[in-house]
Amino acid sequence: MKPKRIYYEADVIKYELGKMLLEKYKDVPRIKIESHNRIKELQERPNTDFVEMKKYLIIGIRKTHKYVQNEKSSDFLVPYTSSGCSAMCLYCYLVCNYNKCSYLRLFVNTEQMLEKLIKKSQETEKICTFEIGSNSDLILENQITGNLDKTIERFGKEGRGFITFPTKFSMIDSILNLKHNGKTLIRMSLNPKEIITKVEYGTSSLENRINAINKLSDAGYKVGVLIAPVVLIDGWRNIYLKLLDQLKNGLFNEVRNNLKIEIIFMTYSYVHNAINEQAFPKALKLYNKEIMTGRGKGKYCYKKECRDEAENFFKEEIKKRFDSAVIMYIV
């Protein structure tokens, strides 16, 4: 990623990563800010500038370090080294939190966060799994910072339990030879090619994602698959059948025989719809009033009968293709 513009907090220069990033992008126009959370100039930009703003890089210091208990793929959600993303998935849940300001933010106090992670893992009574990628895509971030390389090796040496994160990217070569000691679980987020090309702008292709899963497994990593989010567009059965067939045929036997799957249905919102209509006027329309219903203020989900039909579909079709697969949860 070569950012078009950089916004940075003055104190980032006190950290090694801050110095490195400012030097790395010394030829990029930069603007000093008081807080990475409140950049008035960007908050006031129109929705039509969404794509332009995704080309910006925000550099700051993370001040929130509270771990949140989780009951899905981990025991704790960990505020970590980045937030937001430079990709432009039309359903991204971060848009609900940050609106059009869901651009990539990098936090330079990485040692502080890593020290806390290792200390917390050593202090927990039971063996825990820590989700470190709930607010960003760490494979993407790693191309800029190298933070993930350091985290995997350090946790592999000193941490107790496991770290985990999801990704939609296939640029995993730099982590293949790391000494992870089996303590890192990487979950690849998958969707049919039709969804990736029409909805998940700026992410890796399905073929490359499947190849990345195999490479990671060969490198000794624990791997998992998310079918997420499930998007019920016209003809959804056919495209998801094709996805499952591609998985069956494309995954190595070791992965296929130990497959753990998470299934997450798409939720949508008024905010998504407003941004997408103005920033991507020709894009696939994700809101469908015929099969969606309200879910809290300004949010939408699939109606129960549609959701139940799709849930049964996935259970049946996965069982047909993967005898030993475990569906961890469906939400």
C-alpha atoms as a PDB file:
ATOM      1  CA  MET A   1       0.000   0.000   0.000  1.00  0.00           C
ATOM      2  CA  LYS A   2       1.269   3.448  -0.932  1.00  0.00           C
ATOM      3  CA  PRO A   3      -1.022   5.889   0.891  1.00  0.00           C
ATOM      4  CA  LYS A   4      -2.184   9.024  -0.836  1.00  0.00           C
ATOM      5  CA  ARG A   5      -2.113  11.045   2.369  1.00  0.00           C
ATOM      6  CA  ILE A   6      -1.039  10.489   5.983  1.00  0.00           C
ATOM      7  CA  TYR A   7      -2.648  11.826   9.144  1.00  0.00           C
ATOM      8  CA  TYR A   8      -0.553  11.325  12.274  1.00  0.00           C
ATOM      9  CA  GLU A   9      -0.475  12.152  15.969  1.00  0.00           C
ATOM     10  CA  ALA A  10       2.629  14.127  16.961  1.00  0.00           C
ATOM     11  CA  ASP A  11       3.708  11.638  19.649  1.00  0.00           C
ATOM     12  CA  VAL A  12       4.035   8.712  17.229  1.00  0.00           C
ATOM     13  CA  ILE A  13       7.580   9.924  16.592  1.00  0.00           C
ATOM     14  CA  LYS A  14       8.448   8.687  20.115  1.00  0.00           C
ATOM     15  CA  TYR A  15       7.944   5.083  18.995  1.00  0.00           C
ATOM     16  CA  GLU A  16      10.159   3.030  16.685  1.00  0.00           C
ATOM     17  CA  LEU A  17       7.262   2.059  14.448  1.00  0.00           C
ATOM     18  CA  GLY A  18       6.147   5.675  14.231  1.00  0.00           C
ATOM     19  CA  LYS A  19       9.607   6.748  13.118  1.00  0.00           C
ATOM     20  CA  MET A  20       9.785   3.912  10.605  1.00  0.00           C
ATOM     21  CA  LEU A  21       6.414   4.709   9.032  1.00  0.00           C
ATOM     22  CA  LEU A  22       7.094   8.431   8.728  1.00  0.00           C
ATOM     23  CA  GLU A  23      10.449   7.685   7.126  1.00  0.00           C
ATOM     24  CA  LYS A  24       8.996   4.989   4.865  1.00  0.00           C
ATOM     25  CA  TYR A  25       6.406   7.397   3.530  1.00  0.00           C
ATOM     26  CA  LYS A  26       8.442  10.587   3.746  1.00  0.00           C
ATOM     27  CA  ASP A  27       7.390  11.625   0.237  1.00  0.00           C
ATOM     28  CA  VAL A  28       3.648  11.325   1.061  1.00  0.00           C
ATOM     29  CA  PRO A  29       1.748  14.505   2.061  1.00  0.00           C
ATOM     30  CA  ARG A  30       1.099  14.438   5.810  1.00  0.00           C
ATOM     31  CA  ILE A  31      -1.135  16.273   8.238  1.00  0.00           C
ATOM     32  CA  LYS A  32      -0.635  16.427  12.000  1.00  0.00           C
ATOM     33  CA  ILE A  33      -3.736  15.620  14.093  1.00  0.00           C
ATOM     34  CA  GLU A  34      -4.627  15.649  17.777  1.00  0.00           C
ATOM     35  CA  SER A  35      -6.432  12.303  17.822  1.00  0.00           C
ATOM     36  CA  HIS A  36      -6.784   9.399  15.401  1.00  0.00           C
ATOM     37  CA  ASN A  37     -10.380   9.036  16.662  1.00  0.00           C
ATOM     38  CA  ARG A  38     -11.508  12.531  15.775  1.00  0.00           C
ATOM     39  CA  ILE A  39     -10.356  13.930  12.451  1.00  0.00           C
ATOM     40  CA  LYS A  40     -12.988  16.568  11.816  1.00  0.00           C
ATOM     41  CA  GLU A  41     -11.872  17.219   8.260  1.00  0.00           C
ATOM     42  CA  LEU A  42     -12.553  13.573   7.346  1.00  0.00           C
ATOM     43  CA  GLN A  43     -15.710  13.185   9.413  1.00  0.00           C
ATOM     44  CA  GLU A  44     -17.277  16.033   7.453  1.00  0.00           C
ATOM     45  CA  ARG A  45     -16.410  14.664   4.025  1.00  0.00           C
ATOM     46  CA  PRO A  46     -19.385  13.450   1.933  1.00  0.00           C
ATOM     47  CA  ASN A  47     -20.099   9.762   1.431  1.00  0.00           C
ATOM     48  CA  THR A  48     -18.983  10.098  -2.167  1.00  0.00           C
ATOM     49  CA  ASP A  49     -15.408  10.493  -0.847  1.00  0.00           C
ATOM     50  CA  PHE A  50     -15.429   7.037   0.766  1.00  0.00           C
ATOM     51  CA  VAL A  51     -13.125   5.483  -1.854  1.00  0.00           C
ATOM     52  CA  GLU A  52     -10.726   8.435  -1.727  1.00  0.00           C
ATOM     53  CA  MET A  53     -10.505   8.230   2.075  1.00  0.00           C
ATOM     54  CA  LYS A  54      -9.662   4.527   1.908  1.00  0.00           C
ATOM     55  CA  LYS A  55      -6.388   5.603   0.299  1.00  0.00           C
ATOM     56  CA  TYR A  56      -5.353   7.502   3.444  1.00  0.00           C
ATOM     57  CA  LEU A  57      -3.279   6.122   6.302  1.00  0.00           C
ATOM     58  CA  ILE A  58      -3.823   7.208   9.882  1.00  0.00           C
ATOM     59  CA  ILE A  59      -1.002   6.738  12.391  1.00  0.00           C
ATOM     60  CA  GLY A  60      -1.711   7.053  16.099  1.00  0.00           C
ATOM     61  CA  ILE A  61      -1.351   5.601  19.575  1.00  0.00           C
ATOM     62  CA  ARG A  62      -3.925   3.091  20.836  1.00  0.00           C
ATOM     63  CA  LYS A  63      -5.359   4.183  24.143  1.00  0.00           C
ATOM     64  CA  THR A  64      -8.049   1.506  24.571  1.00  0.00           C
ATOM     65  CA  HIS A  65      -6.661  -1.774  25.868  1.00  0.00           C
ATOM     66  CA  LYS A  66      -9.659  -3.463  27.512  1.00  0.00           C
ATOM     67  CA  TYR A  67     -10.112  -7.120  26.626  1.00  0.00           C
ATOM     68  CA  VAL A  68     -13.695  -8.224  25.947  1.00  0.00           C
ATOM     69  CA  GLN A  69     -14.858 -11.763  26.682  1.00  0.00           C
ATOM     70  CA  ASN A  70     -16.027 -13.703  23.652  1.00  0.00           C
ATOM     71  CA  GLU A  71     -17.863 -16.988  23.177  1.00  0.00           C
ATOM     72  CA  LYS A  72     -17.303 -17.797  19.502  1.00  0.00           C
ATOM     73  CA  SER A  73     -13.858 -18.459  18.082  1.00  0.00           C
ATOM     74  CA  SER A  74     -11.948 -17.118  21.088  1.00  0.00           C
ATOM     75  CA  ASP A  75     -12.096 -16.365  24.782  1.00  0.00           C
ATOM     76  CA  PHE A  76     -11.141 -12.693  24.471  1.00  0.00           C
ATOM     77  CA  LEU A  77     -11.312  -9.957  21.843  1.00  0.00           C
ATOM     78  CA  VAL A  78      -8.046  -8.037  21.998  1.00  0.00           C
ATOM     79  CA  PRO A  79      -7.668  -4.385  20.896  1.00  0.00           C
ATOM     80  CA  TYR A  80      -4.536  -4.689  18.817  1.00  0.00           C
ATOM     81  CA  THR A  81      -2.216  -3.024  16.335  1.00  0.00           C
ATOM     82  CA  SER A  82      -4.643  -1.663  13.757  1.00  0.00           C
ATOM     83  CA  SER A  83      -8.235  -0.730  13.079  1.00  0.00           C
ATOM     84  CA  GLY A  84     -10.132  -0.339   9.853  1.00  0.00           C
ATOM     85  CA  CYS A  85      -8.904  -1.475   6.466  1.00  0.00           C
ATOM     86  CA  SER A  86      -7.964  -0.250   3.011  1.00  0.00           C
ATOM     87  CA  ALA A  87     -10.259  -2.808   1.352  1.00  0.00           C
ATOM     88  CA  MET A  88     -13.857  -1.830   0.605  1.00  0.00           C
ATOM     89  CA  CYS A  89     -16.262  -4.660   1.419  1.00  0.00           C
ATOM     90  CA  LEU A  90     -19.757  -3.249   0.980  1.00  0.00           C
ATOM     91  CA  TYR A  91     -21.075  -4.924   4.152  1.00  0.00           C
ATOM     92  CA  CYS A  92     -18.097  -4.237   6.470  1.00  0.00           C
ATOM     93  CA  TYR A  93     -19.237  -4.116  10.098  1.00  0.00           C
ATOM     94  CA  LEU A  94     -16.600  -1.487  10.879  1.00  0.00           C
ATOM     95  CA  VAL A  95     -18.650   0.956   8.826  1.00  0.00           C
ATOM     96  CA  CYS A  96     -21.339   0.683  11.512  1.00  0.00           C
ATOM     97  CA  ASN A  97     -18.793   1.885  14.091  1.00  0.00           C
ATOM     98  CA  TYR A  98     -16.765   4.359  12.058  1.00  0.00           C
ATOM     99  CA  ASN A  99     -19.127   5.308   9.225  1.00  0.00           C
ATOM    100  CA  LYS A 100     -17.155   6.561   6.237  1.00  0.00           C
ATOM    101  CA  CYS A 101     -14.067   6.837   8.474  1.00  0.00           C
ATOM    102  CA  SER A 102     -13.327   3.090   8.361  1.00  0.00           C
ATOM    103  CA  TYR A 103      -9.927   3.755   6.772  1.00  0.00           C
ATOM    104  CA  LEU A 104      -6.799   1.990   7.986  1.00  0.00           C
ATOM    105  CA  ARG A 105      -5.414   3.187  11.303  1.00  0.00           C
ATOM    106  CA  LEU A 106      -2.065   1.899  12.550  1.00  0.00           C
ATOM    107  CA  PHE A 107      -1.099   2.075  16.223  1.00  0.00           C
ATOM    108  CA  VAL A 108       2.582   2.463  16.999  1.00  0.00           C
ATOM    109  CA  ASN A 109       2.624   1.404  20.682  1.00  0.00           C
ATOM    110  CA  THR A 110       2.934  -2.205  19.571  1.00  0.00           C
ATOM    111  CA  GLU A 111       5.290  -3.357  22.308  1.00  0.00           C
ATOM    112  CA  GLN A 112       2.841  -2.225  24.960  1.00  0.00           C
ATOM    113  CA  MET A 113       0.045  -4.235  23.352  1.00  0.00           C
ATOM    114  CA  LEU A 114       2.173  -7.331  22.811  1.00  0.00           C
ATOM    115  CA  GLU A 115       3.495  -7.273  26.374  1.00  0.00           C
ATOM    116  CA  LYS A 116      -0.049  -7.116  27.730  1.00  0.00           C
ATOM    117  CA  LEU A 117      -1.147  -9.971  25.463  1.00  0.00           C
ATOM    118  CA  ILE A 118       1.626 -12.270  26.631  1.00  0.00           C
ATOM    119  CA  LYS A 119       1.174 -11.324  30.277  1.00  0.00           C
ATOM    120  CA  LYS A 120      -2.585 -11.917  30.090  1.00  0.00           C
ATOM    121  CA  SER A 121      -2.061 -15.320  28.451  1.00  0.00           C
ATOM    122  CA  GLN A 122       0.300 -16.341  31.241  1.00  0.00           C
ATOM    123  CA  GLU A 123      -2.065 -15.206  33.991  1.00  0.00           C
ATOM    124  CA  THR A 124      -5.325 -16.852  32.857  1.00  0.00           C
ATOM    125  CA  GLU A 125      -6.449 -19.879  34.849  1.00  0.00           C
ATOM    126  CA  LYS A 126      -7.328 -21.904  31.760  1.00  0.00           C
ATOM    127  CA  ILE A 127      -5.738 -22.149  28.330  1.00  0.00           C
ATOM    128  CA  CYS A 128      -7.305 -19.300  26.341  1.00  0.00           C
ATOM    129  CA  THR A 129      -7.550 -18.181  22.734  1.00  0.00           C
ATOM    130  CA  PHE A 130      -7.077 -14.475  22.017  1.00  0.00           C
ATOM    131  CA  GLU A 131      -8.696 -12.871  18.958  1.00  0.00           C
ATOM    132  CA  ILE A 132      -6.250 -10.187  17.827  1.00  0.00           C
ATOM    133  CA  GLY A 133      -7.835  -9.344  14.454  1.00  0.00           C
ATOM    134  CA  SER A 134     -11.422  -8.352  15.173  1.00  0.00           C
ATOM    135  CA  ASN A 135     -10.978  -4.714  14.122  1.00  0.00           C
ATOM    136  CA  SER A 136      -8.719  -5.036  11.096  1.00  0.00           C
ATOM    137  CA  ASP A 137      -7.069  -7.506   8.736  1.00  0.00           C
ATOM    138  CA  LEU A 138      -3.656  -8.312  10.153  1.00  0.00           C
ATOM    139  CA  ILE A 139      -2.338  -9.975   6.983  1.00  0.00           C
ATOM    140  CA  LEU A 140      -2.987  -6.726   5.137  1.00  0.00           C
ATOM    141  CA  GLU A 141      -1.506  -4.621   7.933  1.00  0.00           C
ATOM    142  CA  ASN A 142       1.567  -6.842   8.055  1.00  0.00           C
ATOM    143  CA  GLN A 143       2.526  -5.754   4.545  1.00  0.00           C
ATOM    144  CA  ILE A 144       3.120  -2.279   5.963  1.00  0.00           C
ATOM    145  CA  THR A 145       4.345  -2.831   9.526  1.00  0.00           C
ATOM    146  CA  GLY A 146       5.650  -6.383   9.974  1.00  0.00           C
ATOM    147  CA  ASN A 147       3.785  -6.412  13.303  1.00  0.00           C
ATOM    148  CA  LEU A 148       2.208  -9.810  12.706  1.00  0.00           C
ATOM    149  CA  ASP A 149       5.572 -11.489  12.117  1.00  0.00           C
ATOM    150  CA  LYS A 150       6.800 -10.209  15.473  1.00  0.00           C
ATOM    151  CA  THR A 151       3.591 -11.120  17.280  1.00  0.00           C
ATOM    152  CA  ILE A 152       3.492 -14.709  16.009  1.00  0.00           C
ATOM    153  CA  GLU A 153       7.119 -15.440  16.909  1.00  0.00           C
ATOM    154  CA  ARG A 154       7.033 -13.724  20.296  1.00  0.00           C
ATOM    155  CA  PHE A 155       3.750 -15.351  21.304  1.00  0.00           C
ATOM    156  CA  GLY A 156       5.006 -18.682  20.005  1.00  0.00           C
ATOM    157  CA  LYS A 157       7.992 -18.400  22.335  1.00  0.00           C
ATOM    158  CA  GLU A 158       6.485 -16.783  25.427  1.00  0.00           C
ATOM    159  CA  GLY A 159       2.704 -16.891  25.189  1.00  0.00           C
ATOM    160  CA  ARG A 160       0.366 -19.430  26.736  1.00  0.00           C
ATOM    161  CA  GLY A 161      -2.654 -20.611  24.775  1.00  0.00           C
ATOM    162  CA  PHE A 162      -3.378 -19.380  21.273  1.00  0.00           C
ATOM    163  CA  ILE A 163      -3.790 -16.259  19.186  1.00  0.00           C
ATOM    164  CA  THR A 164      -6.198 -16.147  16.257  1.00  0.00           C
ATOM    165  CA  PHE A 165      -7.353 -13.804  13.521  1.00  0.00           C
ATOM    166  CA  PRO A 166      -9.423 -13.907  10.314  1.00  0.00           C
ATOM    167  CA  THR A 167      -8.273 -12.637   6.944  1.00  0.00           C
ATOM    168  CA  LYS A 168      -9.457 -12.090   3.388  1.00  0.00           C
ATOM    169  CA  PHE A 169      -5.919 -11.814   2.055  1.00  0.00           C
ATOM    170  CA  SER A 170      -3.431 -14.315   0.666  1.00  0.00           C
ATOM    171  CA  MET A 171      -0.113 -12.488   1.195  1.00  0.00           C
ATOM    172  CA  ILE A 172       1.120 -14.956   3.782  1.00  0.00           C
ATOM    173  CA  ASP A 173       4.623 -15.837   2.552  1.00  0.00           C
ATOM    174  CA  SER A 174       6.412 -13.793   5.226  1.00  0.00           C
ATOM    175  CA  ILE A 175       4.825 -15.776   8.054  1.00  0.00           C
ATOM    176  CA  LEU A 176       5.311 -19.290   6.625  1.00  0.00           C
ATOM    177  CA  ASN A 177       8.746 -19.890   8.146  1.00  0.00           C
ATOM    178  CA  LEU A 178       8.100 -18.281  11.523  1.00  0.00           C
ATOM    179  CA  LYS A 179       8.537 -20.246  14.763  1.00  0.00           C
ATOM    180  CA  HIS A 180       4.879 -20.149  15.764  1.00  0.00           C
ATOM    181  CA  ASN A 181       5.040 -23.351  17.849  1.00  0.00           C
ATOM    182  CA  GLY A 182       1.450 -24.231  16.940  1.00  0.00           C
ATOM    183  CA  LYS A 183       0.040 -21.317  18.921  1.00  0.00           C
ATOM    184  CA  THR A 184      -1.493 -19.381  16.013  1.00  0.00           C
ATOM    185  CA  LEU A 185      -4.856 -20.168  14.409  1.00  0.00           C
ATOM    186  CA  ILE A 186      -5.515 -18.409  11.091  1.00  0.00           C
ATOM    187  CA  ARG A 187      -9.079 -18.398   9.781  1.00  0.00           C
ATOM    188  CA  MET A 188      -9.579 -17.639   6.107  1.00  0.00           C
ATOM    189  CA  SER A 189     -12.788 -15.798   5.254  1.00  0.00           C
ATOM    190  CA  LEU A 190     -14.317 -17.138   2.053  1.00  0.00           C
ATOM    191  CA  ASN A 191     -17.151 -16.252  -0.280  1.00  0.00           C
ATOM    192  CA  PRO A 192     -18.100 -17.277  -3.809  1.00  0.00           C
ATOM    193  CA  LYS A 193     -16.189 -15.592  -6.617  1.00  0.00           C
ATOM    194  CA  GLU A 194     -19.341 -13.626  -7.528  1.00  0.00           C
ATOM    195  CA  ILE A 195     -19.471 -12.078  -4.044  1.00  0.00           C
ATOM    196  CA  ILE A 196     -15.733 -11.371  -3.880  1.00  0.00           C
ATOM    197  CA  THR A 197     -15.678  -9.548  -7.215  1.00  0.00           C
ATOM    198  CA  LYS A 198     -18.928  -7.627  -6.713  1.00  0.00           C
ATOM    199  CA  VAL A 199     -18.916  -6.936  -2.974  1.00  0.00           C
ATOM    200  CA  GLU A 200     -15.445  -7.459  -1.445  1.00  0.00           C
ATOM    201  CA  TYR A 201     -13.499  -4.816  -3.368  1.00  0.00           C
ATOM    202  CA  GLY A 202      -9.747  -4.844  -2.899  1.00  0.00           C
ATOM    203  CA  THR A 203      -9.444  -8.323  -1.354  1.00  0.00           C
ATOM    204  CA  SER A 204      -7.673 -11.462  -2.589  1.00  0.00           C
ATOM    205  CA  SER A 205      -9.289 -13.830  -5.076  1.00  0.00           C
ATOM    206  CA  LEU A 206     -10.990 -17.032  -3.947  1.00  0.00           C
ATOM    207  CA  GLU A 207      -8.349 -19.188  -5.632  1.00  0.00           C
ATOM    208  CA  ASN A 208      -5.523 -17.358  -3.881  1.00  0.00           C
ATOM    209  CA  ARG A 209      -7.274 -17.611  -0.521  1.00  0.00           C
ATOM    210  CA  ILE A 210      -7.681 -21.382  -0.880  1.00  0.00           C
ATOM    211  CA  ASN A 211      -4.037 -21.729  -1.889  1.00  0.00           C
ATOM    212  CA  ALA A 212      -3.048 -19.684   1.164  1.00  0.00           C
ATOM    213  CA  ILE A 213      -4.946 -22.063   3.462  1.00  0.00           C
ATOM    214  CA  ASN A 214      -2.981 -25.001   2.073  1.00  0.00           C
ATOM    215  CA  LYS A 215       0.353 -23.180   2.447  1.00  0.00           C
ATOM    216  CA  LEU A 216      -0.437 -22.232   6.036  1.00  0.00           C
ATOM    217  CA  SER A 217      -1.385 -25.807   6.879  1.00  0.00           C
ATOM    218  CA  ASP A 218       1.852 -27.089   5.337  1.00  0.00           C
ATOM    219  CA  ALA A 219       3.712 -24.582   7.515  1.00  0.00           C
ATOM    220  CA  GLY A 220       2.162 -26.159  10.612  1.00  0.00           C
ATOM    221  CA  TYR A 221      -0.384 -23.466  11.398  1.00  0.00           C
ATOM    222  CA  LYS A 222      -3.790 -24.294  12.748  1.00  0.00           C
ATOM    223  CA  VAL A 223      -6.247 -23.176  10.076  1.00  0.00           C
ATOM    224  CA  GLY A 224      -9.979 -22.626   9.886  1.00  0.00           C
ATOM    225  CA  VAL A 225     -12.556 -21.380   7.405  1.00  0.00           C
ATOM    226  CA  LEU A 226     -15.209 -18.721   7.728  1.00  0.00           C
ATOM    227  CA  ILE A 227     -18.008 -18.629   5.206  1.00  0.00           C
ATOM    228  CA  ALA A 228     -18.677 -15.035   5.922  1.00  0.00           C
ATOM    229  CA  PRO A 229     -20.732 -13.183   5.492  1.00  0.00           C
ATOM    230  CA  VAL A 230     -23.327 -15.277   3.715  1.00  0.00           C
ATOM    231  CA  VAL A 231     -25.021 -12.926   1.247  1.00  0.00           C
ATOM    232  CA  LEU A 232     -28.392 -14.121  -0.060  1.00  0.00           C
ATOM    233  CA  ILE A 233     -28.366 -12.639  -3.535  1.00  0.00           C
ATOM    234  CA  ASP A 234     -30.411 -14.083  -6.406  1.00  0.00           C
ATOM    235  CA  GLY A 235     -29.081 -17.554  -7.188  1.00  0.00           C
ATOM    236  CA  TRP A 236     -27.304 -17.859  -3.834  1.00  0.00           C
ATOM    237  CA  ARG A 237     -27.742 -21.630  -3.692  1.00  0.00           C
ATOM    238  CA  ASN A 238     -25.817 -22.210  -6.904  1.00  0.00           C
ATOM    239  CA  ILE A 239     -22.906 -19.928  -6.078  1.00  0.00           C
ATOM    240  CA  TYR A 240     -22.472 -21.333  -2.563  1.00  0.00           C
ATOM    241  CA  LEU A 241     -22.677 -24.912  -3.895  1.00  0.00           C
ATOM    242  CA  LYS A 242     -19.884 -23.991  -6.272  1.00  0.00           C
ATOM    243  CA  LEU A 243     -17.869 -22.539  -3.388  1.00  0.00           C
ATOM    244  CA  LEU A 244     -18.229 -25.742  -1.353  1.00  0.00           C
ATOM    245  CA  ASP A 245     -17.190 -27.823  -4.366  1.00  0.00           C
ATOM    246  CA  GLN A 246     -14.143 -25.609  -4.897  1.00  0.00           C
ATOM    247  CA  LEU A 247     -13.214 -26.112  -1.263  1.00  0.00           C
ATOM    248  CA  LYS A 248     -13.624 -29.866  -1.497  1.00  0.00           C
ATOM    249  CA  ASN A 249     -11.469 -30.056  -4.611  1.00  0.00           C
ATOM    250  CA  GLY A 250      -8.956 -27.362  -3.720  1.00  0.00           C
ATOM    251  CA  LEU A 251      -8.033 -28.048  -0.099  1.00  0.00           C
ATOM    252  CA  PHE A 252      -5.265 -30.478   0.777  1.00  0.00           C
ATOM    253  CA  ASN A 253      -6.404 -33.704   2.452  1.00  0.00           C
ATOM    254  CA  GLU A 254      -4.952 -32.658   5.807  1.00  0.00           C
ATOM    255  CA  VAL A 255      -7.057 -29.509   5.825  1.00  0.00           C
ATOM    256  CA  ARG A 256     -10.181 -31.108   4.397  1.00  0.00           C
ATOM    257  CA  ASN A 257     -10.135 -33.910   6.967  1.00  0.00           C
ATOM    258  CA  ASN A 258      -9.818 -31.517   9.912  1.00  0.00           C
ATOM    259  CA  LEU A 259     -12.010 -28.695   8.675  1.00  0.00           C
ATOM    260  CA  LYS A 260     -13.524 -26.306  11.196  1.00  0.00           C
ATOM    261  CA  ILE A 261     -16.075 -23.904   9.750  1.00  0.00           C
ATOM    262  CA  GLU A 262     -17.699 -20.740  11.060  1.00  0.00           C
ATOM    263  CA  ILE A 263     -20.777 -19.445   9.231  1.00  0.00           C
ATOM    264  CA  ILE A 264     -21.869 -15.830   9.614  1.00  0.00           C
ATOM    265  CA  PHE A 265     -24.882 -14.335   7.862  1.00  0.00           C
ATOM    266  CA  MET A 266     -24.672 -10.778   6.628  1.00  0.00           C
ATOM    267  CA  THR A 267     -26.129  -7.965   8.657  1.00  0.00           C
ATOM    268  CA  TYR A 268     -26.613  -4.645   6.957  1.00  0.00           C
ATOM    269  CA  SER A 269     -27.490  -1.126   7.998  1.00  0.00           C
ATOM    270  CA  TYR A 270     -28.874   2.222   6.942  1.00  0.00           C
ATOM    271  CA  VAL A 271     -25.313   3.593   7.147  1.00  0.00           C
ATOM    272  CA  HIS A 272     -24.007   0.935   4.742  1.00  0.00           C
ATOM    273  CA  ASN A 273     -26.834   1.614   2.337  1.00  0.00           C
ATOM    274  CA  ALA A 274     -26.310   5.388   2.346  1.00  0.00           C
ATOM    275  CA  ILE A 275     -22.558   5.104   1.739  1.00  0.00           C
ATOM    276  CA  ASN A 276     -22.874   2.392  -0.910  1.00  0.00           C
ATOM    277  CA  GLU A 277     -25.543   4.251  -2.869  1.00  0.00           C
ATOM    278  CA  GLN A 278     -23.371   7.362  -3.039  1.00  0.00           C
ATOM    279  CA  ALA A 279     -19.863   5.881  -3.223  1.00  0.00           C
ATOM    280  CA  PHE A 280     -20.704   2.807  -5.334  1.00  0.00           C
ATOM    281  CA  PRO A 281     -23.839   3.727  -7.298  1.00  0.00           C
ATOM    282  CA  LYS A 282     -23.355   0.865  -9.797  1.00  0.00           C
ATOM    283  CA  ALA A 283     -22.551  -1.813  -7.212  1.00  0.00           C
ATOM    284  CA  LEU A 284     -24.664  -4.830  -6.328  1.00  0.00           C
ATOM    285  CA  LYS A 285     -27.570  -3.823  -4.076  1.00  0.00           C
ATOM    286  CA  LEU A 286     -27.354  -5.683  -0.781  1.00  0.00           C
ATOM    287  CA  TYR A 287     -30.529  -4.456   0.865  1.00  0.00           C
ATOM    288  CA  ASN A 288     -33.558  -6.529  -0.114  1.00  0.00           C
ATOM    289  CA  LYS A 289     -36.758  -5.626   1.725  1.00  0.00           C
ATOM    290  CA  GLU A 290     -38.418  -8.852   0.569  1.00  0.00           C
ATOM    291  CA  ILE A 291     -36.094 -11.059   2.605  1.00  0.00           C
ATOM    292  CA  MET A 292     -34.706  -8.657   5.231  1.00  0.00           C
ATOM    293  CA  THR A 293     -36.144  -7.255   8.431  1.00  0.00           C
ATOM    294  CA  GLY A 294     -35.156  -4.733  11.096  1.00  0.00           C
ATOM    295  CA  ARG A 295     -32.596  -5.672  13.718  1.00  0.00           C
ATOM    296  CA  GLY A 296     -32.190  -2.821  16.138  1.00  0.00           C
ATOM    297  CA  LYS A 297     -32.001   0.823  15.186  1.00  0.00           C
ATOM    298  CA  GLY A 298     -31.060   1.239  11.529  1.00  0.00           C
ATOM    299  CA  LYS A 299     -29.880  -2.366  11.094  1.00  0.00           C
ATOM    300  CA  TYR A 300     -31.190  -5.236   8.992  1.00  0.00           C
ATOM    301  CA  CYS A 301     -30.864  -9.005   8.934  1.00  0.00           C
ATOM    302  CA  TYR A 302     -32.434 -11.824   6.955  1.00  0.00           C
ATOM    303  CA  LYS A 303     -35.950 -12.881   7.904  1.00  0.00           C
ATOM    304  CA  LYS A 304     -36.179 -16.038   9.982  1.00  0.00           C
ATOM    305  CA  GLU A 305     -37.669 -18.216   7.251  1.00  0.00           C
ATOM    306  CA  CYS A 306     -34.942 -17.206   4.777  1.00  0.00           C
ATOM    307  CA  ARG A 307     -32.236 -17.627   7.364  1.00  0.00           C
ATOM    308  CA  ASP A 308     -33.525 -21.067   8.437  1.00  0.00           C
ATOM    309  CA  GLU A 309     -33.622 -22.249   4.839  1.00  0.00           C
ATOM    310  CA  ALA A 310     -30.049 -21.131   4.211  1.00  0.00           C
ATOM    311  CA  GLU A 311     -28.814 -22.546   7.511  1.00  0.00           C
ATOM    312  CA  ASN A 312     -30.239 -25.987   6.710  1.00  0.00           C
ATOM    313  CA  PHE A 313     -28.742 -25.747   3.235  1.00  0.00           C
ATOM    314  CA  PHE A 314     -25.237 -25.222   4.608  1.00  0.00           C
ATOM    315  CA  LYS A 315     -25.540 -27.982   7.195  1.00  0.00           C
ATOM    316  CA  GLU A 316     -26.687 -30.498   4.586  1.00  0.00           C
ATOM    317  CA  GLU A 317     -24.281 -29.548   1.825  1.00  0.00           C
ATOM    318  CA  ILE A 318     -21.245 -29.341   4.094  1.00  0.00           C
ATOM    319  CA  LYS A 319     -22.049 -32.781   5.510  1.00  0.00           C
ATOM    320  CA  LYS A 320     -22.239 -34.216   1.986  1.00  0.00           C
ATOM    321  CA  ARG A 321     -18.769 -32.976   1.109  1.00  0.00           C
ATOM    322  CA  PHE A 322     -16.864 -33.007   4.404  1.00  0.00           C
ATOM    323  CA  ASP A 323     -17.658 -36.011   6.590  1.00  0.00           C
ATOM    324  CA  SER A 324     -15.503 -34.904   9.493  1.00  0.00           C
ATOM    325  CA  ALA A 325     -16.057 -31.145   9.264  1.00  0.00           C
ATOM    326  CA  VAL A 326     -17.138 -29.341  12.414  1.00  0.00           C
ATOM    327  CA  ILE A 327     -19.411 -26.303  12.121  1.00  0.00           C
ATOM    328  CA  MET A 328     -18.252 -24.241  15.096  1.00  0.00           C
ATOM    329  CA  TYR A 329     -21.268 -21.940  15.051  1.00  0.00           C
ATOM    330  CA  ILE A 330     -23.796 -20.280  12.748  1.00  0.00           C
ATOM    331  CA  VAL A 331     -24.830 -16.699  13.487  1.00  0.00           C
END
